[in-house]
Amino acid sequence: MNSRVLVCYNLYLQRKFQTSALYCINRQWREGRGLPINPTSFGPLTNKPDFAYDDGRPVPLGSNARKRVMKQRTYAERIVQLLNEVNFAEERHRKLKEEEEQLRNKILENKLTPKGKKELD
């Protein structure tokens, strides 16, 4: 008998309730190899088109493929937005430090002026 089936059956006997097929998948094995936990969420069967035209025309996207593209597009827009915020914060921090340094230098220059007559050359 398959070890995966035995694991599912043992879980059923221990917990006395039915588990889904997702829990029957060996999660540690998949995670250790960098694979997604759900094998049907990513791969050539879900990412590639169902068919191809002989003349090379593009194939229309299916409904799930369209949803995935839109989801990835929203992720990309959010990433760009967050990166712009981080860049703005870094630039602002740099400018504030620069202004603080200029103020410190200006105060030091004013403190260290010689007293008395200034020599004119």
Protein backbone atom coordinates (compact mmCIF):
# COMPACT_ATOMS: atom_id res chain seq x y z
CA MET A 1 0.00 0.00 0.00
CA ASN A 2 1.18 3.52 -0.74
CA SER A 3 2.77 5.32 2.22
CA ARG A 4 0.73 8.44 1.50
CA VAL A 5 -2.49 6.46 1.80
CA LEU A 6 -1.27 4.97 5.08
CA VAL A 7 -0.51 8.44 6.43
CA CYS A 8 -4.03 9.60 5.53
CA TYR A 9 -5.60 6.52 7.04
CA ASN A 10 -3.55 6.93 10.24
CA LEU A 11 -4.65 10.59 10.48
CA TYR A 12 -8.23 9.46 10.03
CA LEU A 13 -7.95 6.86 12.79
CA GLN A 14 -6.19 9.23 15.20
CA ARG A 15 -8.48 12.22 14.76
CA LYS A 16 -11.72 10.45 13.82
CA PHE A 17 -12.57 12.89 11.07
CA GLN A 18 -12.04 12.92 7.35
CA THR A 19 -9.13 14.90 5.94
CA SER A 20 -8.91 16.43 2.51
CA ALA A 21 -6.58 15.23 -0.20
CA LEU A 22 -4.35 18.27 0.39
CA TYR A 23 -3.36 16.94 3.81
CA CYS A 24 -2.48 13.58 2.30
CA ILE A 25 0.32 15.14 0.26
CA ASN A 26 3.73 14.86 1.85
CA ARG A 27 4.21 18.55 2.69
CA GLN A 28 7.74 18.25 4.08
CA TRP A 29 8.97 16.55 0.94
CA ARG A 30 7.47 19.27 -1.29
CA GLU A 31 8.67 22.15 0.90
CA GLY A 32 12.17 20.67 1.09
CA ARG A 33 12.41 20.75 -2.70
CA GLY A 34 11.02 24.27 -3.04
CA LEU A 35 7.73 23.10 -4.56
CA PRO A 36 4.34 24.61 -3.73
CA ILE A 37 2.28 22.73 -1.16
CA ASN A 38 -0.61 22.36 -3.57
CA PRO A 39 0.70 20.62 -6.72
CA THR A 40 -2.14 21.93 -8.90
CA SER A 41 -1.52 25.60 -8.09
CA PHE A 42 1.58 25.98 -10.28
CA GLY A 43 3.17 24.10 -13.13
CA PRO A 44 3.05 23.52 -16.86
CA LEU A 45 -0.48 22.14 -16.76
CA THR A 46 -1.85 25.31 -15.19
CA ASN A 47 0.52 27.94 -16.66
CA LYS A 48 0.66 26.90 -20.32
CA PRO A 49 -2.25 27.19 -22.76
CA ASP A 50 -4.47 24.21 -23.44
CA PHE A 51 -3.82 24.23 -27.19
CA ALA A 52 -1.84 26.04 -29.90
CA TYR A 53 -2.68 27.14 -33.43
CA ASP A 54 -0.55 25.76 -36.26
CA ASP A 55 -0.12 29.19 -37.84
CA GLY A 56 1.29 30.70 -34.62
CA ARG A 57 -1.65 32.88 -33.63
CA PRO A 58 -1.84 33.66 -29.90
CA VAL A 59 -4.23 31.52 -27.92
CA PRO A 60 -6.92 33.34 -25.90
CA LEU A 61 -6.49 33.09 -22.15
CA GLY A 62 -8.81 30.90 -20.17
CA SER A 63 -10.79 32.30 -17.25
CA ASN A 64 -8.40 31.00 -14.59
CA ALA A 65 -5.35 32.13 -16.57
CA ARG A 66 -6.90 35.58 -16.90
CA LYS A 67 -7.48 35.66 -13.12
CA ARG A 68 -3.87 34.67 -12.49
CA VAL A 69 -2.61 37.38 -14.86
CA MET A 70 -4.76 40.01 -13.15
CA LYS A 71 -3.60 38.84 -9.73
CA GLN A 72 0.04 39.03 -10.80
CA ARG A 73 -0.58 42.49 -12.27
CA THR A 74 -2.02 43.74 -8.97
CA TYR A 75 0.94 42.23 -7.12
CA ALA A 76 3.34 44.00 -9.48
CA GLU A 77 1.54 47.33 -9.05
CA ARG A 78 1.65 46.97 -5.26
CA ILE A 79 5.36 46.09 -5.36
CA VAL A 80 6.13 49.15 -7.49
CA GLN A 81 4.10 51.35 -5.14
CA LEU A 82 5.91 50.04 -2.06
CA LEU A 83 9.30 50.41 -3.72
CA ASN A 84 8.51 54.02 -4.59
CA GLU A 85 7.56 54.65 -0.96
CA VAL A 86 10.81 53.11 0.25
CA ASN A 87 12.84 55.16 -2.24
CA PHE A 88 11.02 58.32 -1.15
CA ALA A 89 11.71 57.55 2.53
CA GLU A 90 15.41 56.89 1.84
CA GLU A 91 15.73 60.12 -0.16
CA ARG A 92 13.94 62.13 2.53
CA HIS A 93 16.16 60.64 5.24
CA ARG A 94 19.26 61.48 3.22
CA LYS A 95 18.09 65.08 2.70
CA LEU A 96 17.25 65.51 6.39
CA LYS A 97 20.70 64.24 7.40
CA GLU A 98 22.31 66.57 4.84
CA GLU A 99 20.33 69.58 6.12
CA GLU A 100 21.22 68.69 9.70
CA GLU A 101 24.90 68.48 8.77
CA GLN A 102 24.71 71.85 6.99
CA LEU A 103 23.06 73.43 10.02
CA ARG A 104 25.73 71.97 12.31
CA ASN A 105 28.50 73.29 10.04
CA LYS A 106 26.87 76.73 9.89
CA ILE A 107 26.65 76.90 13.70
CA LEU A 108 30.29 75.84 14.04
CA GLU A 109 31.41 78.44 11.51
CA ASN A 110 29.54 81.16 13.39
CA LYS A 111 31.03 80.09 16.71
CA LEU A 112 34.59 80.08 15.44
CA THR A 113 34.77 83.60 14.01
CA PRO A 114 37.76 85.58 15.28
CA LYS A 115 36.98 88.51 17.57
CA GLY A 116 38.42 91.92 17.08
CA LYS A 117 39.42 93.64 13.89
CA LYS A 118 39.24 91.75 10.67
CA GLU A 119 42.23 92.13 8.45
CA LEU A 120 41.49 93.38 5.01
CA ASP A 121 43.78 92.30 2.22
